[in-house]
Amino acid sequence: MVKIEIVSDMKKKMEEENKYLEAVISGKIKPKRAVHTIVFTPETFASTFSPERVRLIFALKDWDGNIYRLAKKLGRPYEAVHRDISYLESFGFIKVKSIGRKRYPHLAGPIRIPAFA
């Protein structure tokens, strides 16, 4: 699962994380369960999750085809879909399996945005 956290002050968030890590290292508290968390400011969240990338994520929910077929389904150029998949893959939202020359994208797992839950 990937958890997305949106914060207005990245410096404050990093200070909180550093305090947490110091407490874990010193043995004062036990570490939280491992969850892949990505922290965004509202501006970086908006640029990362463009409308086309959100459409792509929704299309991948039940997808089992390759990138070429996905681009055709979305009515977008192959190059743009491939670029968006690579970008989202770098964050861990999407995984891509290669079989021969074909690449098959799928969601890496659920994406949770607690700020909106």
PDB file of N, CA and C in Angstrom:
ATOM      1  N   MET A   1       0.841  -1.170   0.000  1.00  0.00           N
ATOM      2  CA  MET A   1       0.000   0.000   0.000  1.00  0.00           C
ATOM      3  C   MET A   1       0.889   1.237   0.000  1.00  0.00           C
ATOM      4  N   VAL A   2       0.480   2.222  -0.748  1.00  0.00           N
ATOM      5  CA  VAL A   2       1.157   3.503  -0.772  1.00  0.00           C
ATOM      6  C   VAL A   2       0.239   4.518  -0.109  1.00  0.00           C
ATOM      7  N   LYS A   3       0.779   5.227   0.869  1.00  0.00           N
ATOM      8  CA  LYS A   3       0.010   6.259   1.570  1.00  0.00           C
ATOM      9  C   LYS A   3       0.539   7.611   1.127  1.00  0.00           C
ATOM     10  N   ILE A   4      -0.351   8.511   0.788  1.00  0.00           N
ATOM     11  CA  ILE A   4       0.020   9.852   0.379  1.00  0.00           C
ATOM     12  C   ILE A   4      -0.381  10.809   1.489  1.00  0.00           C
ATOM     13  N   GLU A   5       0.550  11.655   1.878  1.00  0.00           N
ATOM     14  CA  GLU A   5       0.269  12.654   2.896  1.00  0.00           C
ATOM     15  C   GLU A   5       0.523  14.023   2.280  1.00  0.00           C
ATOM     16  N   ILE A   6      -0.428  14.916   2.432  1.00  0.00           N
ATOM     17  CA  ILE A   6      -0.300  16.258   1.879  1.00  0.00           C
ATOM     18  C   ILE A   6      -0.095  17.217   3.051  1.00  0.00           C
ATOM     19  N   VAL A   7       1.009  17.958   3.019  1.00  0.00           N
ATOM     20  CA  VAL A   7       1.337  18.879   4.107  1.00  0.00           C
ATOM     21  C   VAL A   7       1.594  20.265   3.540  1.00  0.00           C
ATOM     22  N   SER A   8       1.264  21.280   4.318  1.00  0.00           N
ATOM     23  CA  SER A   8       1.493  22.650   3.861  1.00  0.00           C
ATOM     24  C   SER A   8       2.915  23.109   4.160  1.00  0.00           C
ATOM     25  N   ASP A   9       3.532  22.523   5.181  1.00  0.00           N
ATOM     26  CA  ASP A   9       4.879  22.939   5.576  1.00  0.00           C
ATOM     27  C   ASP A   9       5.811  21.729   5.583  1.00  0.00           C
ATOM     28  N   MET A  10       6.578  21.567   4.519  1.00  0.00           N
ATOM     29  CA  MET A  10       7.456  20.413   4.391  1.00  0.00           C
ATOM     30  C   MET A  10       8.562  20.436   5.448  1.00  0.00           C
ATOM     31  N   LYS A  11       9.076  21.607   5.791  1.00  0.00           N
ATOM     32  CA  LYS A  11      10.140  21.708   6.793  1.00  0.00           C
ATOM     33  C   LYS A  11       9.645  21.205   8.150  1.00  0.00           C
ATOM     34  N   LYS A  12       8.452  21.587   8.528  1.00  0.00           N
ATOM     35  CA  LYS A  12       7.872  21.140   9.802  1.00  0.00           C
ATOM     36  C   LYS A  12       7.674  19.617   9.795  1.00  0.00           C
ATOM     37  N   LYS A  13       7.210  19.077   8.677  1.00  0.00           N
ATOM     38  CA  LYS A  13       7.000  17.632   8.561  1.00  0.00           C
ATOM     39  C   LYS A  13       8.319  16.884   8.716  1.00  0.00           C
ATOM     40  N   MET A  14       9.385  17.385   8.101  1.00  0.00           N
ATOM     41  CA  MET A  14      10.686  16.730   8.208  1.00  0.00           C
ATOM     42  C   MET A  14      11.222  16.785   9.637  1.00  0.00           C
ATOM     43  N   GLU A  15      10.973  17.883  10.346  1.00  0.00           N
ATOM     44  CA  GLU A  15      11.387  17.979  11.748  1.00  0.00           C
ATOM     45  C   GLU A  15      10.652  16.941  12.594  1.00  0.00           C
ATOM     46  N   GLU A  16       9.351  16.774  12.354  1.00  0.00           N
ATOM     47  CA  GLU A  16       8.569  15.767  13.075  1.00  0.00           C
ATOM     48  C   GLU A  16       9.095  14.360  12.792  1.00  0.00           C
ATOM     49  N   GLU A  17       9.416  14.077  11.540  1.00  0.00           N
ATOM     50  CA  GLU A  17       9.941  12.763  11.173  1.00  0.00           C
ATOM     51  C   GLU A  17      11.295  12.496  11.819  1.00  0.00           C
ATOM     52  N   ASN A  18      12.130  13.524  11.888  1.00  0.00           N
ATOM     53  CA  ASN A  18      13.438  13.368  12.528  1.00  0.00           C
ATOM     54  C   ASN A  18      13.293  13.066  14.018  1.00  0.00           C
ATOM     55  N   LYS A  19      12.353  13.728  14.692  1.00  0.00           N
ATOM     56  CA  LYS A  19      12.099  13.453  16.112  1.00  0.00           C
ATOM     57  C   LYS A  19      11.613  12.017  16.300  1.00  0.00           C
ATOM     58  N   TYR A  20      10.737  11.580  15.421  1.00  0.00           N
ATOM     59  CA  TYR A  20      10.230  10.208  15.483  1.00  0.00           C
ATOM     60  C   TYR A  20      11.371   9.207  15.318  1.00  0.00           C
ATOM     61  N   LEU A  21      12.210   9.426  14.313  1.00  0.00           N
ATOM     62  CA  LEU A  21      13.329   8.513  14.066  1.00  0.00           C
ATOM     63  C   LEU A  21      14.306   8.480  15.240  1.00  0.00           C
ATOM     64  N   GLU A  22      14.577   9.633  15.842  1.00  0.00           N
ATOM     65  CA  GLU A  22      15.461   9.679  17.012  1.00  0.00           C
ATOM     66  C   GLU A  22      14.878   8.867  18.165  1.00  0.00           C
ATOM     67  N   ALA A  23      13.549   8.964  18.370  1.00  0.00           N
ATOM     68  CA  ALA A  23      12.894   8.212  19.444  1.00  0.00           C
ATOM     69  C   ALA A  23      12.953   6.710  19.179  1.00  0.00           C
ATOM     70  N   VAL A  24      12.794   6.307  17.917  1.00  0.00           N
ATOM     71  CA  VAL A  24      12.878   4.880  17.574  1.00  0.00           C
ATOM     72  C   VAL A  24      14.300   4.369  17.788  1.00  0.00           C
ATOM     73  N   ILE A  25      15.265   5.125  17.297  1.00  0.00           N
ATOM     74  CA  ILE A  25      16.670   4.709  17.414  1.00  0.00           C
ATOM     75  C   ILE A  25      17.092   4.616  18.875  1.00  0.00           C
ATOM     76  N   SER A  26      16.625   5.528  19.701  1.00  0.00           N
ATOM     77  CA  SER A  26      16.998   5.511  21.122  1.00  0.00           C
ATOM     78  C   SER A  26      16.230   4.453  21.914  1.00  0.00           C
ATOM     79  N   GLY A  27      15.223   3.845  21.295  1.00  0.00           N
ATOM     80  CA  GLY A  27      14.452   2.805  21.963  1.00  0.00           C
ATOM     81  C   GLY A  27      13.302   3.327  22.807  1.00  0.00           C
ATOM     82  N   LYS A  28      12.997   4.601  22.735  1.00  0.00           N
ATOM     83  CA  LYS A  28      11.907   5.189  23.526  1.00  0.00           C
ATOM     84  C   LYS A  28      10.534   4.728  23.027  1.00  0.00           C
ATOM     85  N   ILE A  29      10.427   4.508  21.703  1.00  0.00           N
ATOM     86  CA  ILE A  29       9.168   4.026  21.124  1.00  0.00           C
ATOM     87  C   ILE A  29       9.474   2.932  20.123  1.00  0.00           C
ATOM     88  N   LYS A  30       8.456   2.128  19.831  1.00  0.00           N
ATOM     89  CA  LYS A  30       8.593   1.081  18.818  1.00  0.00           C
ATOM     90  C   LYS A  30       8.245   1.684  17.455  1.00  0.00           C
ATOM     91  N   PRO A  31       8.892   1.196  16.408  1.00  0.00           N
ATOM     92  CA  PRO A  31       8.580   1.737  15.081  1.00  0.00           C
ATOM     93  C   PRO A  31       7.170   1.370  14.641  1.00  0.00           C
ATOM     94  N   LYS A  32       6.593   2.257  13.836  1.00  0.00           N
ATOM     95  CA  LYS A  32       5.273   1.997  13.276  1.00  0.00           C
ATOM     96  C   LYS A  32       5.387   0.909  12.221  1.00  0.00           C
ATOM     97  N   ARG A  33       4.242   0.305  11.893  1.00  0.00           N
ATOM     98  CA  ARG A  33       4.216  -0.699  10.826  1.00  0.00           C
ATOM     99  C   ARG A  33       4.690  -0.049   9.536  1.00  0.00           C
ATOM    100  N   ALA A  34       5.485  -0.767   8.777  1.00  0.00           N
ATOM    101  CA  ALA A  34       6.062  -0.223   7.550  1.00  0.00           C
ATOM    102  C   ALA A  34       4.988   0.012   6.497  1.00  0.00           C
ATOM    103  N   VAL A  35       4.850   1.249   6.094  1.00  0.00           N
ATOM    104  CA  VAL A  35       3.949   1.645   5.020  1.00  0.00           C
ATOM    105  C   VAL A  35       4.726   2.613   4.147  1.00  0.00           C
ATOM    106  N   HIS A  36       4.637   2.437   2.869  1.00  0.00           N
ATOM    107  CA  HIS A  36       5.314   3.331   1.928  1.00  0.00           C
ATOM    108  C   HIS A  36       4.535   4.646   1.911  1.00  0.00           C
ATOM    109  N   THR A  37       5.088   5.693   2.546  1.00  0.00           N
ATOM    110  CA  THR A  37       4.422   6.989   2.618  1.00  0.00           C
ATOM    111  C   THR A  37       5.171   7.993   1.776  1.00  0.00           C
ATOM    112  N   ILE A  38       4.433   8.727   0.960  1.00  0.00           N
ATOM    113  CA  ILE A  38       5.000   9.793   0.146  1.00  0.00           C
ATOM    114  C   ILE A  38       4.355  11.086   0.600  1.00  0.00           C
ATOM    115  N   VAL A  39       5.185  12.073   0.904  1.00  0.00           N
ATOM    116  CA  VAL A  39       4.694  13.355   1.396  1.00  0.00           C
ATOM    117  C   VAL A  39       4.786  14.374   0.266  1.00  0.00           C
ATOM    118  N   PHE A  40       3.667  15.056   0.018  1.00  0.00           N
ATOM    119  CA  PHE A  40       3.590  16.080  -1.013  1.00  0.00           C
ATOM    120  C   PHE A  40       3.119  17.390  -0.405  1.00  0.00           C
ATOM    121  N   THR A  41       3.534  18.489  -1.012  1.00  0.00           N
ATOM    122  CA  THR A  41       2.882  19.763  -0.741  1.00  0.00           C
ATOM    123  C   THR A  41       1.669  19.806  -1.674  1.00  0.00           C
ATOM    124  N   PRO A  42       0.714  20.683  -1.431  1.00  0.00           N
ATOM    125  CA  PRO A  42      -0.430  20.753  -2.354  1.00  0.00           C
ATOM    126  C   PRO A  42      -0.010  21.003  -3.809  1.00  0.00           C
ATOM    127  N   GLU A  43       1.031  21.803  -4.009  1.00  0.00           N
ATOM    128  CA  GLU A  43       1.480  22.116  -5.362  1.00  0.00           C
ATOM    129  C   GLU A  43       2.082  20.892  -6.051  1.00  0.00           C
ATOM    130  N   THR A  44       2.930  20.146  -5.347  1.00  0.00           N
ATOM    131  CA  THR A  44       3.538  18.967  -5.972  1.00  0.00           C
ATOM    132  C   THR A  44       2.512  17.854  -6.160  1.00  0.00           C
ATOM    133  N   PHE A  45       1.538  17.776  -5.254  1.00  0.00           N
ATOM    134  CA  PHE A  45       0.471  16.787  -5.420  1.00  0.00           C
ATOM    135  C   PHE A  45      -0.302  17.072  -6.705  1.00  0.00           C
ATOM    136  N   ALA A  46      -0.654  18.348  -6.905  1.00  0.00           N
ATOM    137  CA  ALA A  46      -1.435  18.728  -8.083  1.00  0.00           C
ATOM    138  C   ALA A  46      -0.672  18.470  -9.378  1.00  0.00           C
ATOM    139  N   SER A  47       0.630  18.697  -9.373  1.00  0.00           N
ATOM    140  CA  SER A  47       1.388  18.464 -10.601  1.00  0.00           C
ATOM    141  C   SER A  47       1.645  16.973 -10.834  1.00  0.00           C
ATOM    142  N   THR A  48       1.777  16.198  -9.771  1.00  0.00           N
ATOM    143  CA  THR A  48       2.010  14.761  -9.908  1.00  0.00           C
ATOM    144  C   THR A  48       0.755  14.043 -10.388  1.00  0.00           C
ATOM    145  N   PHE A  49      -0.380  14.400  -9.818  1.00  0.00           N
ATOM    146  CA  PHE A  49      -1.634  13.726 -10.159  1.00  0.00           C
ATOM    147  C   PHE A  49      -2.466  14.596 -11.095  1.00  0.00           C
ATOM    148  N   SER A  50      -1.944  14.771 -12.299  1.00  0.00           N
ATOM    149  CA  SER A  50      -2.678  15.507 -13.326  1.00  0.00           C
ATOM    150  C   SER A  50      -3.923  14.700 -13.687  1.00  0.00           C
ATOM    151  N   PRO A  51      -4.904  15.336 -14.314  1.00  0.00           N
ATOM    152  CA  PRO A  51      -6.106  14.581 -14.716  1.00  0.00           C
ATOM    153  C   PRO A  51      -5.789  13.361 -15.577  1.00  0.00           C
ATOM    154  N   GLU A  52      -4.820  13.463 -16.483  1.00  0.00           N
ATOM    155  CA  GLU A  52      -4.486  12.327 -17.340  1.00  0.00           C
ATOM    156  C   GLU A  52      -3.850  11.199 -16.538  1.00  0.00           C
ATOM    157  N   ARG A  53      -3.034  11.516 -15.550  1.00  0.00           N
ATOM    158  CA  ARG A  53      -2.415  10.471 -14.729  1.00  0.00           C
ATOM    159  C   ARG A  53      -3.451   9.802 -13.832  1.00  0.00           C
ATOM    160  N   VAL A  54      -4.419  10.563 -13.359  1.00  0.00           N
ATOM    161  CA  VAL A  54      -5.502   9.971 -12.549  1.00  0.00           C
ATOM    162  C   VAL A  54      -6.329   9.034 -13.426  1.00  0.00           C
ATOM    163  N   ARG A  55      -6.641   9.448 -14.657  1.00  0.00           N
ATOM    164  CA  ARG A  55      -7.357   8.553 -15.595  1.00  0.00           C
ATOM    165  C   ARG A  55      -6.568   7.272 -15.819  1.00  0.00           C
ATOM    166  N   LEU A  56      -5.255   7.403 -15.953  1.00  0.00           N
ATOM    167  CA  LEU A  56      -4.380   6.257 -16.153  1.00  0.00           C
ATOM    168  C   LEU A  56      -4.442   5.316 -14.956  1.00  0.00           C
ATOM    169  N   ILE A  57      -4.376   5.850 -13.758  1.00  0.00           N
ATOM    170  CA  ILE A  57      -4.441   5.018 -12.552  1.00  0.00           C
ATOM    171  C   ILE A  57      -5.772   4.283 -12.488  1.00  0.00           C
ATOM    172  N   PHE A  58      -6.873   4.977 -12.760  1.00  0.00           N
ATOM    173  CA  PHE A  58      -8.186   4.317 -12.748  1.00  0.00           C
ATOM    174  C   PHE A  58      -8.266   3.224 -13.815  1.00  0.00           C
ATOM    175  N   ALA A  59      -7.686   3.473 -14.984  1.00  0.00           N
ATOM    176  CA  ALA A  59      -7.715   2.468 -16.052  1.00  0.00           C
ATOM    177  C   ALA A  59      -6.922   1.219 -15.662  1.00  0.00           C
ATOM    178  N   LEU A  60      -5.892   1.386 -14.839  1.00  0.00           N
ATOM    179  CA  LEU A  60      -5.057   0.246 -14.448  1.00  0.00           C
ATOM    180  C   LEU A  60      -5.693  -0.626 -13.371  1.00  0.00           C
ATOM    181  N   LYS A  61      -6.782  -0.167 -12.758  1.00  0.00           N
ATOM    182  CA  LYS A  61      -7.405  -0.958 -11.686  1.00  0.00           C
ATOM    183  C   LYS A  61      -7.719  -2.377 -12.127  1.00  0.00           C
ATOM    184  N   ASP A  62      -8.261  -2.529 -13.306  1.00  0.00           N
ATOM    185  CA  ASP A  62      -8.653  -3.850 -13.804  1.00  0.00           C
ATOM    186  C   ASP A  62      -7.968  -4.164 -15.130  1.00  0.00           C
ATOM    187  N   TRP A  63      -6.760  -3.687 -15.318  1.00  0.00           N
ATOM    188  CA  TRP A  63      -6.084  -3.808 -16.598  1.00  0.00           C
ATOM    189  C   TRP A  63      -5.150  -5.012 -16.629  1.00  0.00           C
ATOM    190  N   ASP A  64      -5.112  -5.705 -17.773  1.00  0.00           N
ATOM    191  CA  ASP A  64      -4.166  -6.814 -17.915  1.00  0.00           C
ATOM    192  C   ASP A  64      -3.445  -6.781 -19.264  1.00  0.00           C
ATOM    193  N   GLY A  65      -3.551  -5.664 -19.984  1.00  0.00           N
ATOM    194  CA  GLY A  65      -2.910  -5.555 -21.290  1.00  0.00           C
ATOM    195  C   GLY A  65      -1.592  -4.806 -21.226  1.00  0.00           C
ATOM    196  N   ASN A  66      -1.000  -4.611 -22.406  1.00  0.00           N
ATOM    197  CA  ASN A  66       0.276  -3.907 -22.468  1.00  0.00           C
ATOM    198  C   ASN A  66       0.067  -2.397 -22.597  1.00  0.00           C
ATOM    199  N   ILE A  67       1.174  -1.662 -22.597  1.00  0.00           N
ATOM    200  CA  ILE A  67       1.101  -0.195 -22.621  1.00  0.00           C
ATOM    201  C   ILE A  67       0.485   0.291 -23.926  1.00  0.00           C
ATOM    202  N   TYR A  68       0.812  -0.333 -25.042  1.00  0.00           N
ATOM    203  CA  TYR A  68       0.268   0.078 -26.339  1.00  0.00           C
ATOM    204  C   TYR A  68      -1.260   0.010 -26.325  1.00  0.00           C
ATOM    205  N   ARG A  69      -1.809  -1.112 -25.862  1.00  0.00           N
ATOM    206  CA  ARG A  69      -3.276  -1.264 -25.805  1.00  0.00           C
ATOM    207  C   ARG A  69      -3.889  -0.276 -24.827  1.00  0.00           C
ATOM    208  N   LEU A  70      -3.194   0.002 -23.731  1.00  0.00           N
ATOM    209  CA  LEU A  70      -3.691   0.966 -22.749  1.00  0.00           C
ATOM    210  C   LEU A  70      -3.759   2.361 -23.363  1.00  0.00           C
ATOM    211  N   ALA A  71      -2.737   2.738 -24.126  1.00  0.00           N
ATOM    212  CA  ALA A  71      -2.731   4.045 -24.793  1.00  0.00           C
ATOM    213  C   ALA A  71      -3.905   4.159 -25.760  1.00  0.00           C
ATOM    214  N   LYS A  72      -4.165   3.081 -26.496  1.00  0.00           N
ATOM    215  CA  LYS A  72      -5.308   3.077 -27.420  1.00  0.00           C
ATOM    216  C   LYS A  72      -6.622   3.234 -26.655  1.00  0.00           C
ATOM    217  N   LYS A  73      -6.750   2.522 -25.536  1.00  0.00           N
ATOM    218  CA  LYS A  73      -7.977   2.600 -24.736  1.00  0.00           C
ATOM    219  C   LYS A  73      -8.204   4.019 -24.211  1.00  0.00           C
ATOM    220  N   LEU A  74      -7.117   4.673 -23.793  1.00  0.00           N
ATOM    221  CA  LEU A  74      -7.226   6.024 -23.234  1.00  0.00           C
ATOM    222  C   LEU A  74      -7.287   7.110 -24.310  1.00  0.00           C
ATOM    223  N   GLY A  75      -7.019   6.739 -25.567  1.00  0.00           N
ATOM    224  CA  GLY A  75      -7.034   7.727 -26.648  1.00  0.00           C
ATOM    225  C   GLY A  75      -5.881   8.718 -26.534  1.00  0.00           C
ATOM    226  N   ARG A  76      -4.729   8.237 -26.053  1.00  0.00           N
ATOM    227  CA  ARG A  76      -3.553   9.085 -25.860  1.00  0.00           C
ATOM    228  C   ARG A  76      -2.382   8.511 -26.641  1.00  0.00           C
ATOM    229  N   PRO A  77      -1.408   9.344 -26.993  1.00  0.00           N
ATOM    230  CA  PRO A  77      -0.214   8.824 -27.678  1.00  0.00           C
ATOM    231  C   PRO A  77       0.543   7.847 -26.776  1.00  0.00           C
ATOM    232  N   TYR A  78       1.100   6.811 -27.408  1.00  0.00           N
ATOM    233  CA  TYR A  78       1.858   5.802 -26.671  1.00  0.00           C
ATOM    234  C   TYR A  78       2.960   6.456 -25.835  1.00  0.00           C
ATOM    235  N   GLU A  79       3.687   7.400 -26.429  1.00  0.00           N
ATOM    236  CA  GLU A  79       4.818   8.036 -25.753  1.00  0.00           C
ATOM    237  C   GLU A  79       4.382   8.733 -24.464  1.00  0.00           C
ATOM    238  N   ALA A  80       3.231   9.396 -24.498  1.00  0.00           N
ATOM    239  CA  ALA A  80       2.732  10.109 -23.312  1.00  0.00           C
ATOM    240  C   ALA A  80       2.344   9.125 -22.211  1.00  0.00           C
ATOM    241  N   VAL A  81       1.676   8.041 -22.578  1.00  0.00           N
ATOM    242  CA  VAL A  81       1.279   7.030 -21.592  1.00  0.00           C
ATOM    243  C   VAL A  81       2.516   6.356 -21.011  1.00  0.00           C
ATOM    244  N   HIS A  82       3.476   6.025 -21.864  1.00  0.00           N
ATOM    245  CA  HIS A  82       4.723   5.402 -21.403  1.00  0.00           C
ATOM    246  C   HIS A  82       5.451   6.331 -20.428  1.00  0.00           C
ATOM    247  N   ARG A  83       5.522   7.621 -20.749  1.00  0.00           N
ATOM    248  CA  ARG A  83       6.172   8.608 -19.878  1.00  0.00           C
ATOM    249  C   ARG A  83       5.462   8.700 -18.527  1.00  0.00           C
ATOM    250  N   ASP A  84       4.130   8.750 -18.542  1.00  0.00           N
ATOM    251  CA  ASP A  84       3.370   8.826 -17.289  1.00  0.00           C
ATOM    252  C   ASP A  84       3.541   7.560 -16.458  1.00  0.00           C
ATOM    253  N   ILE A  85       3.563   6.408 -17.109  1.00  0.00           N
ATOM    254  CA  ILE A  85       3.770   5.149 -16.383  1.00  0.00           C
ATOM    255  C   ILE A  85       5.147   5.131 -15.729  1.00  0.00           C
ATOM    256  N   SER A  86       6.170   5.554 -16.458  1.00  0.00           N
ATOM    257  CA  SER A  86       7.524   5.598 -15.890  1.00  0.00           C
ATOM    258  C   SER A  86       7.586   6.554 -14.704  1.00  0.00           C
ATOM    259  N   TYR A  87       6.930   7.689 -14.824  1.00  0.00           N
ATOM    260  CA  TYR A  87       6.919   8.686 -13.748  1.00  0.00           C
ATOM    261  C   TYR A  87       6.229   8.118 -12.504  1.00  0.00           C
ATOM    262  N   LEU A  88       5.055   7.541 -12.671  1.00  0.00           N
ATOM    263  CA  LEU A  88       4.321   6.977 -11.532  1.00  0.00           C
ATOM    264  C   LEU A  88       5.021   5.740 -10.974  1.00  0.00           C
ATOM    265  N   GLU A  89       5.726   5.017 -11.823  1.00  0.00           N
ATOM    266  CA  GLU A  89       6.496   3.857 -11.371  1.00  0.00           C
ATOM    267  C   GLU A  89       7.642   4.306 -10.449  1.00  0.00           C
ATOM    268  N   SER A  90       8.212   5.485 -10.713  1.00  0.00           N
ATOM    269  CA  SER A  90       9.315   5.977  -9.884  1.00  0.00           C
ATOM    270  C   SER A  90       8.871   6.261  -8.448  1.00  0.00           C
ATOM    271  N   PHE A  91       7.591   6.528  -8.246  1.00  0.00           N
ATOM    272  CA  PHE A  91       7.050   6.745  -6.904  1.00  0.00           C
ATOM    273  C   PHE A  91       6.601   5.443  -6.243  1.00  0.00           C
ATOM    274  N   GLY A  92       6.486   4.374  -7.026  1.00  0.00           N
ATOM    275  CA  GLY A  92       6.036   3.098  -6.481  1.00  0.00           C
ATOM    276  C   GLY A  92       4.543   2.864  -6.605  1.00  0.00           C
ATOM    277  N   PHE A  93       3.842   3.705  -7.367  1.00  0.00           N
ATOM    278  CA  PHE A  93       2.401   3.529  -7.552  1.00  0.00           C
ATOM    279  C   PHE A  93       2.097   2.421  -8.559  1.00  0.00           C
ATOM    280  N   ILE A  94       2.972   2.265  -9.539  1.00  0.00           N
ATOM    281  CA  ILE A  94       2.762   1.320 -10.635  1.00  0.00           C
ATOM    282  C   ILE A  94       3.984   0.410 -10.727  1.00  0.00           C
ATOM    283  N   LYS A  95       3.736  -0.846 -11.091  1.00  0.00           N
ATOM    284  CA  LYS A  95       4.816  -1.783 -11.406  1.00  0.00           C
ATOM    285  C   LYS A  95       4.606  -2.214 -12.844  1.00  0.00           C
ATOM    286  N   VAL A  96       5.718  -2.516 -13.505  1.00  0.00           N
ATOM    287  CA  VAL A  96       5.653  -2.931 -14.902  1.00  0.00           C
ATOM    288  C   VAL A  96       6.389  -4.251 -15.050  1.00  0.00           C
ATOM    289  N   LYS A  97       5.700  -5.211 -15.665  1.00  0.00           N
ATOM    290  CA  LYS A  97       6.300  -6.516 -15.930  1.00  0.00           C
ATOM    291  C   LYS A  97       6.600  -6.581 -17.427  1.00  0.00           C
ATOM    292  N   SER A  98       7.821  -6.973 -17.766  1.00  0.00           N
ATOM    293  CA  SER A  98       8.215  -7.088 -19.176  1.00  0.00           C
ATOM    294  C   SER A  98       8.196  -8.548 -19.596  1.00  0.00           C
ATOM    295  N   ILE A  99       7.564  -8.798 -20.736  1.00  0.00           N
ATOM    296  CA  ILE A  99       7.565 -10.120 -21.350  1.00  0.00           C
ATOM    297  C   ILE A  99       7.953  -9.897 -22.805  1.00  0.00           C
ATOM    298  N   GLY A 100       9.174 -10.288 -23.119  1.00  0.00           N
ATOM    299  CA  GLY A 100       9.688  -9.996 -24.448  1.00  0.00           C
ATOM    300  C   GLY A 100       9.845  -8.497 -24.595  1.00  0.00           C
ATOM    301  N   ARG A 101       9.308  -7.957 -25.674  1.00  0.00           N
ATOM    302  CA  ARG A 101       9.389  -6.513 -25.902  1.00  0.00           C
ATOM    303  C   ARG A 101       8.178  -5.775 -25.347  1.00  0.00           C
ATOM    304  N   LYS A 102       7.198  -6.507 -24.874  1.00  0.00           N
ATOM    305  CA  LYS A 102       5.974  -5.880 -24.371  1.00  0.00           C
ATOM    306  C   LYS A 102       6.088  -5.629 -22.876  1.00  0.00           C
ATOM    307  N   ARG A 103       5.495  -4.507 -22.442  1.00  0.00           N
ATOM    308  CA  ARG A 103       5.513  -4.145 -21.030  1.00  0.00           C
ATOM    309  C   ARG A 103       4.071  -4.072 -20.544  1.00  0.00           C
ATOM    310  N   TYR A 104       3.818  -4.724 -19.404  1.00  0.00           N
ATOM    311  CA  TYR A 104       2.481  -4.833 -18.843  1.00  0.00           C
ATOM    312  C   TYR A 104       2.409  -4.091 -17.504  1.00  0.00           C
ATOM    313  N   PRO A 105       1.780  -2.906 -17.488  1.00  0.00           N
ATOM    314  CA  PRO A 105       1.691  -2.141 -16.245  1.00  0.00           C
ATOM    315  C   PRO A 105       0.535  -2.617 -15.373  1.00  0.00           C
ATOM    316  N   HIS A 106       0.707  -2.474 -14.072  1.00  0.00           N
ATOM    317  CA  HIS A 106      -0.373  -2.738 -13.126  1.00  0.00           C
ATOM    318  C   HIS A 106      -0.125  -1.916 -11.865  1.00  0.00           C
ATOM    319  N   LEU A 107      -1.178  -1.696 -11.097  1.00  0.00           N
ATOM    320  CA  LEU A 107      -1.025  -0.957  -9.846  1.00  0.00           C
ATOM    321  C   LEU A 107      -0.210  -1.784  -8.877  1.00  0.00           C
ATOM    322  N   ALA A 108       0.686  -1.133  -8.155  1.00  0.00           N
ATOM    323  CA  ALA A 108       1.533  -1.822  -7.182  1.00  0.00           C
ATOM    324  C   ALA A 108       0.727  -2.225  -5.950  1.00  0.00           C
ATOM    325  N   GLY A 109      -0.365  -1.576  -5.714  1.00  0.00           N
ATOM    326  CA  GLY A 109      -1.212  -1.847  -4.557  1.00  0.00           C
ATOM    327  C   GLY A 109      -2.165  -0.686  -4.365  1.00  0.00           C
ATOM    328  N   PRO A 110      -2.935  -0.725  -3.287  1.00  0.00           N
ATOM    329  CA  PRO A 110      -3.868   0.376  -3.037  1.00  0.00           C
ATOM    330  C   PRO A 110      -3.133   1.692  -2.812  1.00  0.00           C
ATOM    331  N   ILE A 111      -3.773   2.769  -3.178  1.00  0.00           N
ATOM    332  CA  ILE A 111      -3.244   4.115  -2.930  1.00  0.00           C
ATOM    333  C   ILE A 111      -4.212   4.791  -1.971  1.00  0.00           C
ATOM    334  N   ARG A 112      -3.712   5.192  -0.821  1.00  0.00           N
ATOM    335  CA  ARG A 112      -4.558   5.810   0.201  1.00  0.00           C
ATOM    336  C   ARG A 112      -4.165   7.271   0.390  1.00  0.00           C
ATOM    337  N   ILE A 113      -5.164   8.135   0.453  1.00  0.00           N
ATOM    338  CA  ILE A 113      -4.939   9.547   0.720  1.00  0.00           C
ATOM    339  C   ILE A 113      -5.754   9.905   1.972  1.00  0.00           C
ATOM    340  N   PRO A 114      -5.172   9.723   3.164  1.00  0.00           N
ATOM    341  CA  PRO A 114      -5.923   9.930   4.406  1.00  0.00           C
ATOM    342  C   PRO A 114      -6.477  11.340   4.579  1.00  0.00           C
ATOM    343  N   ALA A 115      -5.852  12.344   3.978  1.00  0.00           N
ATOM    344  CA  ALA A 115      -6.332  13.711   4.135  1.00  0.00           C
ATOM    345  C   ALA A 115      -7.746  13.886   3.603  1.00  0.00           C
ATOM    346  N   PHE A 116      -8.130  13.049   2.670  1.00  0.00           N
ATOM    347  CA  PHE A 116      -9.450  13.158   2.061  1.00  0.00           C
ATOM    348  C   PHE A 116     -10.398  12.058   2.526  1.00  0.00           C
ATOM    349  N   ALA A 117      -9.940  11.199   3.406  1.00  0.00           N
ATOM    350  CA  ALA A 117     -10.765  10.076   3.850  1.00  0.00           C
ATOM    351  C   ALA A 117     -11.763  10.505   4.899  1.00  0.00           C
TER     352      ALA A 117
END
